Amino acid sequence: MSNKGTDFPQYRKLSNNKVYYRIRNEREFDEIQLIGKNAQLFNIEAKQYPEMLRIKDLISYTQDGFESSTEEEFEKMLEMYGLQ
């Protein structure tokens, strides 16, 4: 999985605005999941092939439902839910 022309970090979200992603590099990403009035932050390091494919799908918009996001949007979610 080599995305030599890809600048990191990359930002994505699900079209339902319930999950936000910050892709740090080809092996790491952060995920904010909004659940009701709460949110959880997960830091994922891809060690297994399915996790690596997930990052590849996020970068290339392979699966339906992924949309572009911004650093500002991701940071706003971190601040709003006190996840920093």
PDB file of N, CA and C in Angstrom:
ATOM      1  N   MET A   1       0.854  -1.162   0.000  1.00  0.00           N
ATOM      2  CA  MET A   1       0.000   0.000   0.000  1.00  0.00           C
ATOM      3  C   MET A   1       0.903   1.228   0.000  1.00  0.00           C
ATOM      4  N   SER A   2       1.189   1.756  -1.133  1.00  0.00           N
ATOM      5  CA  SER A   2       2.068   2.903  -1.215  1.00  0.00           C
ATOM      6  C   SER A   2       1.366   4.056  -1.890  1.00  0.00           C
ATOM      7  N   ASN A   3       1.168   5.125  -1.138  1.00  0.00           N
ATOM      8  CA  ASN A   3       0.531   6.332  -1.645  1.00  0.00           C
ATOM      9  C   ASN A   3       1.563   7.444  -1.625  1.00  0.00           C
ATOM     10  N   LYS A   4       2.595   7.307  -2.451  1.00  0.00           N
ATOM     11  CA  LYS A   4       3.727   8.219  -2.414  1.00  0.00           C
ATOM     12  C   LYS A   4       3.336   9.667  -2.671  1.00  0.00           C
ATOM     13  N   GLY A   5       2.249   9.905  -3.395  1.00  0.00           N
ATOM     14  CA  GLY A   5       1.832  11.260  -3.687  1.00  0.00           C
ATOM     15  C   GLY A   5       0.860  11.830  -2.668  1.00  0.00           C
ATOM     16  N   THR A   6       0.577  11.096  -1.606  1.00  0.00           N
ATOM     17  CA  THR A   6      -0.415  11.515  -0.613  1.00  0.00           C
ATOM     18  C   THR A   6       0.235  12.337   0.486  1.00  0.00           C
ATOM     19  N   ASP A   7      -0.341  13.499   0.742  1.00  0.00           N
ATOM     20  CA  ASP A   7       0.111  14.328   1.867  1.00  0.00           C
ATOM     21  C   ASP A   7      -0.707  13.956   3.097  1.00  0.00           C
ATOM     22  N   PHE A   8      -0.050  13.907   4.225  1.00  0.00           N
ATOM     23  CA  PHE A   8      -0.720  13.596   5.480  1.00  0.00           C
ATOM     24  C   PHE A   8      -0.583  14.761   6.424  1.00  0.00           C
ATOM     25  N   PRO A   9      -1.510  14.968   7.331  1.00  0.00           N
ATOM     26  CA  PRO A   9      -2.701  14.147   7.557  1.00  0.00           C
ATOM     27  C   PRO A   9      -3.799  14.428   6.537  1.00  0.00           C
ATOM     28  N   GLN A  10      -4.658  13.443   6.369  1.00  0.00           N
ATOM     29  CA  GLN A  10      -5.859  13.533   5.536  1.00  0.00           C
ATOM     30  C   GLN A  10      -7.059  13.456   6.478  1.00  0.00           C
ATOM     31  N   TYR A  11      -8.145  14.110   6.109  1.00  0.00           N
ATOM     32  CA  TYR A  11      -9.346  14.126   6.961  1.00  0.00           C
ATOM     33  C   TYR A  11     -10.543  13.600   6.176  1.00  0.00           C
ATOM     34  N   ARG A  12     -11.302  12.726   6.828  1.00  0.00           N
ATOM     35  CA  ARG A  12     -12.509  12.156   6.231  1.00  0.00           C
ATOM     36  C   ARG A  12     -13.591  12.116   7.298  1.00  0.00           C
ATOM     37  N   LYS A  13     -14.819  11.917   6.844  1.00  0.00           N
ATOM     38  CA  LYS A  13     -15.941  11.687   7.744  1.00  0.00           C
ATOM     39  C   LYS A  13     -16.945  10.808   7.033  1.00  0.00           C
ATOM     40  N   LEU A  14     -17.833  10.205   7.812  1.00  0.00           N
ATOM     41  CA  LEU A  14     -18.939   9.469   7.215  1.00  0.00           C
ATOM     42  C   LEU A  14     -20.023  10.466   6.844  1.00  0.00           C
ATOM     43  N   SER A  15     -20.779  10.140   5.834  1.00  0.00           N
ATOM     44  CA  SER A  15     -21.800  11.057   5.328  1.00  0.00           C
ATOM     45  C   SER A  15     -22.889  11.363   6.362  1.00  0.00           C
ATOM     46  N   ASN A  16     -23.024  10.533   7.393  1.00  0.00           N
ATOM     47  CA  ASN A  16     -24.020  10.794   8.435  1.00  0.00           C
ATOM     48  C   ASN A  16     -23.477  11.706   9.546  1.00  0.00           C
ATOM     49  N   ASN A  17     -22.225  12.164   9.393  1.00  0.00           N
ATOM     50  CA  ASN A  17     -21.571  13.054  10.361  1.00  0.00           C
ATOM     51  C   ASN A  17     -21.488  12.467  11.766  1.00  0.00           C
ATOM     52  N   LYS A  18     -21.353  11.150  11.856  1.00  0.00           N
ATOM     53  CA  LYS A  18     -21.250  10.476  13.157  1.00  0.00           C
ATOM     54  C   LYS A  18     -19.847   9.947  13.433  1.00  0.00           C
ATOM     55  N   VAL A  19     -18.990   9.893  12.398  1.00  0.00           N
ATOM     56  CA  VAL A  19     -17.620   9.399  12.567  1.00  0.00           C
ATOM     57  C   VAL A  19     -16.688  10.297  11.762  1.00  0.00           C
ATOM     58  N   TYR A  20     -15.623  10.748  12.433  1.00  0.00           N
ATOM     59  CA  TYR A  20     -14.622  11.615  11.816  1.00  0.00           C
ATOM     60  C   TYR A  20     -13.264  10.935  11.895  1.00  0.00           C
ATOM     61  N   TYR A  21     -12.460  11.093  10.839  1.00  0.00           N
ATOM     62  CA  TYR A  21     -11.156  10.439  10.762  1.00  0.00           C
ATOM     63  C   TYR A  21     -10.054  11.454  10.501  1.00  0.00           C
ATOM     64  N   ARG A  22      -8.917  11.244  11.163  1.00  0.00           N
ATOM     65  CA  ARG A  22      -7.684  11.955  10.839  1.00  0.00           C
ATOM     66  C   ARG A  22      -6.675  10.866  10.483  1.00  0.00           C
ATOM     67  N   ILE A  23      -6.310  10.789   9.225  1.00  0.00           N
ATOM     68  CA  ILE A  23      -5.368   9.774   8.762  1.00  0.00           C
ATOM     69  C   ILE A  23      -3.975  10.374   8.890  1.00  0.00           C
ATOM     70  N   ARG A  24      -3.211   9.863   9.836  1.00  0.00           N
ATOM     71  CA  ARG A  24      -1.878  10.404  10.120  1.00  0.00           C
ATOM     72  C   ARG A  24      -0.849   9.978   9.080  1.00  0.00           C
ATOM     73  N   ASN A  25      -0.927   8.718   8.671  1.00  0.00           N
ATOM     74  CA  ASN A  25      -0.031   8.160   7.661  1.00  0.00           C
ATOM     75  C   ASN A  25      -0.641   6.850   7.183  1.00  0.00           C
ATOM     76  N   GLU A  26       0.092   6.085   6.425  1.00  0.00           N
ATOM     77  CA  GLU A  26      -0.446   4.847   5.847  1.00  0.00           C
ATOM     78  C   GLU A  26      -0.696   3.758   6.881  1.00  0.00           C
ATOM     79  N   ARG A  27      -0.276   3.969   8.117  1.00  0.00           N
ATOM     80  CA  ARG A  27      -0.426   2.950   9.159  1.00  0.00           C
ATOM     81  C   ARG A  27      -1.132   3.427  10.425  1.00  0.00           C
ATOM     82  N   GLU A  28      -1.503   4.712  10.495  1.00  0.00           N
ATOM     83  CA  GLU A  28      -2.124   5.228  11.715  1.00  0.00           C
ATOM     84  C   GLU A  28      -3.253   6.196  11.382  1.00  0.00           C
ATOM     85  N   PHE A  29      -4.325   6.087  12.168  1.00  0.00           N
ATOM     86  CA  PHE A  29      -5.392   7.071  12.055  1.00  0.00           C
ATOM     87  C   PHE A  29      -6.099   7.239  13.387  1.00  0.00           C
ATOM     88  N   ASP A  30      -6.751   8.385  13.546  1.00  0.00           N
ATOM     89  CA  ASP A  30      -7.563   8.686  14.717  1.00  0.00           C
ATOM     90  C   ASP A  30      -9.012   8.707  14.265  1.00  0.00           C
ATOM     91  N   GLU A  31      -9.883   8.214  15.120  1.00  0.00           N
ATOM     92  CA  GLU A  31     -11.306   8.130  14.789  1.00  0.00           C
ATOM     93  C   GLU A  31     -12.123   8.684  15.948  1.00  0.00           C
ATOM     94  N   ILE A  32     -13.001   9.612  15.640  1.00  0.00           N
ATOM     95  CA  ILE A  32     -13.948  10.135  16.624  1.00  0.00           C
ATOM     96  C   ILE A  32     -15.311   9.554  16.280  1.00  0.00           C
ATOM     97  N   GLN A  33     -15.908   8.841  17.221  1.00  0.00           N
ATOM     98  CA  GLN A  33     -17.250   8.288  17.038  1.00  0.00           C
ATOM     99  C   GLN A  33     -18.218   9.054  17.917  1.00  0.00           C
ATOM    100  N   LEU A  34     -19.246   9.608  17.303  1.00  0.00           N
ATOM    101  CA  LEU A  34     -20.291  10.312  18.044  1.00  0.00           C
ATOM    102  C   LEU A  34     -21.416   9.333  18.340  1.00  0.00           C
ATOM    103  N   ILE A  35     -21.736   9.190  19.628  1.00  0.00           N
ATOM    104  CA  ILE A  35     -22.753   8.251  20.072  1.00  0.00           C
ATOM    105  C   ILE A  35     -23.709   9.011  20.980  1.00  0.00           C
ATOM    106  N   GLY A  36     -24.866   9.347  20.453  1.00  0.00           N
ATOM    107  CA  GLY A  36     -25.810  10.156  21.217  1.00  0.00           C
ATOM    108  C   GLY A  36     -25.203  11.507  21.515  1.00  0.00           C
ATOM    109  N   LYS A  37     -25.146  11.854  22.806  1.00  0.00           N
ATOM    110  CA  LYS A  37     -24.563  13.132  23.216  1.00  0.00           C
ATOM    111  C   LYS A  37     -23.103  12.988  23.615  1.00  0.00           C
ATOM    112  N   ASN A  38     -22.534  11.822  23.427  1.00  0.00           N
ATOM    113  CA  ASN A  38     -21.151  11.541  23.806  1.00  0.00           C
ATOM    114  C   ASN A  38     -20.303  11.251  22.580  1.00  0.00           C
ATOM    115  N   ALA A  39     -18.996  11.256  22.798  1.00  0.00           N
ATOM    116  CA  ALA A  39     -18.057  10.930  21.723  1.00  0.00           C
ATOM    117  C   ALA A  39     -16.889  10.157  22.311  1.00  0.00           C
ATOM    118  N   GLN A  40     -16.289   9.326  21.477  1.00  0.00           N
ATOM    119  CA  GLN A  40     -15.104   8.573  21.870  1.00  0.00           C
ATOM    120  C   GLN A  40     -14.034   8.777  20.818  1.00  0.00           C
ATOM    121  N   LEU A  41     -12.790   8.869  21.284  1.00  0.00           N
ATOM    122  CA  LEU A  41     -11.642   9.008  20.402  1.00  0.00           C
ATOM    123  C   LEU A  41     -10.835   7.722  20.443  1.00  0.00           C
ATOM    124  N   PHE A  42     -10.545   7.197  19.264  1.00  0.00           N
ATOM    125  CA  PHE A  42      -9.726   5.992  19.145  1.00  0.00           C
ATOM    126  C   PHE A  42      -8.491   6.327  18.317  1.00  0.00           C
ATOM    127  N   ASN A  43      -7.334   5.867  18.782  1.00  0.00           N
ATOM    128  CA  ASN A  43      -6.086   5.999  18.043  1.00  0.00           C
ATOM    129  C   ASN A  43      -5.733   4.600  17.549  1.00  0.00           C
ATOM    130  N   ILE A  44      -5.733   4.427  16.240  1.00  0.00           N
ATOM    131  CA  ILE A  44      -5.535   3.101  15.669  1.00  0.00           C
ATOM    132  C   ILE A  44      -4.225   3.035  14.902  1.00  0.00           C
ATOM    133  N   GLU A  45      -3.426   2.024  15.239  1.00  0.00           N
ATOM    134  CA  GLU A  45      -2.215   1.726  14.499  1.00  0.00           C
ATOM    135  C   GLU A  45      -2.478   0.427  13.744  1.00  0.00           C
ATOM    136  N   ALA A  46      -2.424   0.495  12.430  1.00  0.00           N
ATOM    137  CA  ALA A  46      -2.730  -0.666  11.594  1.00  0.00           C
ATOM    138  C   ALA A  46      -1.578  -1.667  11.667  1.00  0.00           C
ATOM    139  N   LYS A  47      -1.866  -2.798  12.299  1.00  0.00           N
ATOM    140  CA  LYS A  47      -0.881  -3.870  12.397  1.00  0.00           C
ATOM    141  C   LYS A  47      -1.320  -5.084  11.582  1.00  0.00           C
ATOM    142  N   GLN A  48      -2.612  -5.179  11.352  1.00  0.00           N
ATOM    143  CA  GLN A  48      -3.152  -6.305  10.604  1.00  0.00           C
ATOM    144  C   GLN A  48      -3.680  -5.816   9.262  1.00  0.00           C
ATOM    145  N   TYR A  49      -3.717  -6.723   8.320  1.00  0.00           N
ATOM    146  CA  TYR A  49      -4.100  -6.378   6.955  1.00  0.00           C
ATOM    147  C   TYR A  49      -5.462  -5.694   6.842  1.00  0.00           C
ATOM    148  N   PRO A  50      -6.516  -6.141   7.545  1.00  0.00           N
ATOM    149  CA  PRO A  50      -7.808  -5.453   7.435  1.00  0.00           C
ATOM    150  C   PRO A  50      -7.745  -3.978   7.855  1.00  0.00           C
ATOM    151  N   GLU A  51      -6.937  -3.681   8.877  1.00  0.00           N
ATOM    152  CA  GLU A  51      -6.774  -2.291   9.304  1.00  0.00           C
ATOM    153  C   GLU A  51      -6.063  -1.471   8.234  1.00  0.00           C
ATOM    154  N   MET A  52      -5.075  -2.077   7.577  1.00  0.00           N
ATOM    155  CA  MET A  52      -4.355  -1.398   6.493  1.00  0.00           C
ATOM    156  C   MET A  52      -5.296  -1.109   5.321  1.00  0.00           C
ATOM    157  N   LEU A  53      -6.171  -2.071   5.032  1.00  0.00           N
ATOM    158  CA  LEU A  53      -7.155  -1.864   3.959  1.00  0.00           C
ATOM    159  C   LEU A  53      -8.126  -0.749   4.319  1.00  0.00           C
ATOM    160  N   ARG A  54      -8.490  -0.649   5.574  1.00  0.00           N
ATOM    161  CA  ARG A  54      -9.395   0.419   6.028  1.00  0.00           C
ATOM    162  C   ARG A  54      -8.794   1.791   5.725  1.00  0.00           C
ATOM    163  N   ILE A  55      -7.514   1.949   6.029  1.00  0.00           N
ATOM    164  CA  ILE A  55      -6.836   3.216   5.750  1.00  0.00           C
ATOM    165  C   ILE A  55      -6.780   3.471   4.248  1.00  0.00           C
ATOM    166  N   LYS A  56      -6.472   2.453   3.490  1.00  0.00           N
ATOM    167  CA  LYS A  56      -6.430   2.599   2.026  1.00  0.00           C
ATOM    168  C   LYS A  56      -7.798   3.028   1.496  1.00  0.00           C
ATOM    169  N   ASP A  57      -8.873   2.426   2.002  1.00  0.00           N
ATOM    170  CA  ASP A  57     -10.237   2.787   1.586  1.00  0.00           C
ATOM    171  C   ASP A  57     -10.559   4.232   1.960  1.00  0.00           C
ATOM    172  N   LEU A  58     -10.138   4.649   3.144  1.00  0.00           N
ATOM    173  CA  LEU A  58     -10.376   6.029   3.574  1.00  0.00           C
ATOM    174  C   LEU A  58      -9.681   7.020   2.644  1.00  0.00           C
ATOM    175  N   ILE A  59      -8.448   6.733   2.312  1.00  0.00           N
ATOM    176  CA  ILE A  59      -7.675   7.637   1.462  1.00  0.00           C
ATOM    177  C   ILE A  59      -8.257   7.726   0.060  1.00  0.00           C
ATOM    178  N   SER A  60      -8.687   6.587  -0.476  1.00  0.00           N
ATOM    179  CA  SER A  60      -9.117   6.546  -1.881  1.00  0.00           C
ATOM    180  C   SER A  60     -10.624   6.656  -2.071  1.00  0.00           C
ATOM    181  N   TYR A  61     -11.375   6.843  -0.976  1.00  0.00           N
ATOM    182  CA  TYR A  61     -12.844   6.926  -1.063  1.00  0.00           C
ATOM    183  C   TYR A  61     -13.439   5.689  -1.743  1.00  0.00           C
ATOM    184  N   THR A  62     -12.866   4.521  -1.506  1.00  0.00           N
ATOM    185  CA  THR A  62     -13.299   3.284  -2.163  1.00  0.00           C
ATOM    186  C   THR A  62     -14.730   2.902  -1.795  1.00  0.00           C
ATOM    187  N   GLN A  63     -15.095   3.078  -0.542  1.00  0.00           N
ATOM    188  CA  GLN A  63     -16.433   2.689  -0.098  1.00  0.00           C
ATOM    189  C   GLN A  63     -17.357   3.898  -0.059  1.00  0.00           C
ATOM    190  N   ASP A  64     -18.619   3.650  -0.356  1.00  0.00           N
ATOM    191  CA  ASP A  64     -19.615   4.720  -0.284  1.00  0.00           C
ATOM    192  C   ASP A  64     -19.734   5.221   1.152  1.00  0.00           C
ATOM    193  N   GLY A  65     -20.034   6.480   1.283  1.00  0.00           N
ATOM    194  CA  GLY A  65     -20.263   7.046   2.603  1.00  0.00           C
ATOM    195  C   GLY A  65     -19.125   7.886   3.132  1.00  0.00           C
ATOM    196  N   PHE A  66     -17.918   7.742   2.583  1.00  0.00           N
ATOM    197  CA  PHE A  66     -16.794   8.561   3.012  1.00  0.00           C
ATOM    198  C   PHE A  66     -16.822   9.892   2.285  1.00  0.00           C
ATOM    199  N   GLU A  67     -16.642  10.967   3.048  1.00  0.00           N
ATOM    200  CA  GLU A  67     -16.593  12.308   2.478  1.00  0.00           C
ATOM    201  C   GLU A  67     -15.336  13.012   2.965  1.00  0.00           C
ATOM    202  N   SER A  68     -14.913  14.000   2.236  1.00  0.00           N
ATOM    203  CA  SER A  68     -13.784  14.809   2.649  1.00  0.00           C
ATOM    204  C   SER A  68     -14.168  15.633   3.876  1.00  0.00           C
ATOM    205  N   SER A  69     -13.205  15.866   4.733  1.00  0.00           N
ATOM    206  CA  SER A  69     -13.401  16.700   5.906  1.00  0.00           C
ATOM    207  C   SER A  69     -12.191  17.625   6.001  1.00  0.00           C
ATOM    208  N   THR A  70     -12.112  18.388   7.081  1.00  0.00           N
ATOM    209  CA  THR A  70     -11.007  19.326   7.254  1.00  0.00           C
ATOM    210  C   THR A  70     -10.413  19.189   8.645  1.00  0.00           C
ATOM    211  N   GLU A  71      -9.231  19.731   8.786  1.00  0.00           N
ATOM    212  CA  GLU A  71      -8.581  19.756  10.096  1.00  0.00           C
ATOM    213  C   GLU A  71      -9.437  20.553  11.085  1.00  0.00           C
ATOM    214  N   GLU A  72      -9.999  21.656  10.622  1.00  0.00           N
ATOM    215  CA  GLU A  72     -10.826  22.496  11.486  1.00  0.00           C
ATOM    216  C   GLU A  72     -12.038  21.728  12.013  1.00  0.00           C
ATOM    217  N   GLU A  73     -12.670  20.953  11.143  1.00  0.00           N
ATOM    218  CA  GLU A  73     -13.841  20.171  11.544  1.00  0.00           C
ATOM    219  C   GLU A  73     -13.455  19.113  12.584  1.00  0.00           C
ATOM    220  N   PHE A  74     -12.338  18.429  12.354  1.00  0.00           N
ATOM    221  CA  PHE A  74     -11.864  17.405  13.280  1.00  0.00           C
ATOM    222  C   PHE A  74     -11.518  18.035  14.636  1.00  0.00           C
ATOM    223  N   GLU A  75     -10.784  19.137  14.608  1.00  0.00           N
ATOM    224  CA  GLU A  75     -10.387  19.827  15.842  1.00  0.00           C
ATOM    225  C   GLU A  75     -11.608  20.347  16.600  1.00  0.00           C
ATOM    226  N   LYS A  76     -12.619  20.800  15.877  1.00  0.00           N
ATOM    227  CA  LYS A  76     -13.853  21.270  16.505  1.00  0.00           C
ATOM    228  C   LYS A  76     -14.518  20.137  17.282  1.00  0.00           C
ATOM    229  N   MET A  77     -14.543  18.934  16.709  1.00  0.00           N
ATOM    230  CA  MET A  77     -15.128  17.785  17.400  1.00  0.00           C
ATOM    231  C   MET A  77     -14.314  17.433  18.660  1.00  0.00           C
ATOM    232  N   LEU A  78     -12.996  17.469  18.548  1.00  0.00           N
ATOM    233  CA  LEU A  78     -12.148  17.193  19.712  1.00  0.00           C
ATOM    234  C   LEU A  78     -12.458  18.170  20.840  1.00  0.00           C
ATOM    235  N   GLU A  79     -12.543  19.448  20.489  1.00  0.00           N
ATOM    236  CA  GLU A  79     -12.802  20.483  21.489  1.00  0.00           C
ATOM    237  C   GLU A  79     -14.207  20.393  22.067  1.00  0.00           C
ATOM    238  N   MET A  80     -15.183  20.225  21.185  1.00  0.00           N
ATOM    239  CA  MET A  80     -16.585  20.198  21.611  1.00  0.00           C
ATOM    240  C   MET A  80     -16.848  19.085  22.617  1.00  0.00           C
ATOM    241  N   TYR A  81     -16.200  17.934  22.434  1.00  0.00           N
ATOM    242  CA  TYR A  81     -16.441  16.781  23.297  1.00  0.00           C
ATOM    243  C   TYR A  81     -15.328  16.555  24.320  1.00  0.00           C
ATOM    244  N   GLY A  82     -14.392  17.504  24.420  1.00  0.00           N
ATOM    245  CA  GLY A  82     -13.321  17.405  25.417  1.00  0.00           C
ATOM    246  C   GLY A  82     -12.438  16.192  25.249  1.00  0.00           C
ATOM    247  N   LEU A  83     -12.071  15.896  24.026  1.00  0.00           N
ATOM    248  CA  LEU A  83     -11.305  14.686  23.736  1.00  0.00           C
ATOM    249  C   LEU A  83      -9.794  14.928  23.612  1.00  0.00           C
ATOM    250  N   GLN A  84      -9.352  16.128  23.865  1.00  0.00           N
ATOM    251  CA  GLN A  84      -7.924  16.427  23.667  1.00  0.00           C
ATOM    252  C   GLN A  84      -7.077  16.027  24.820  1.00  0.00           C
TER     253      GLN A  84
END
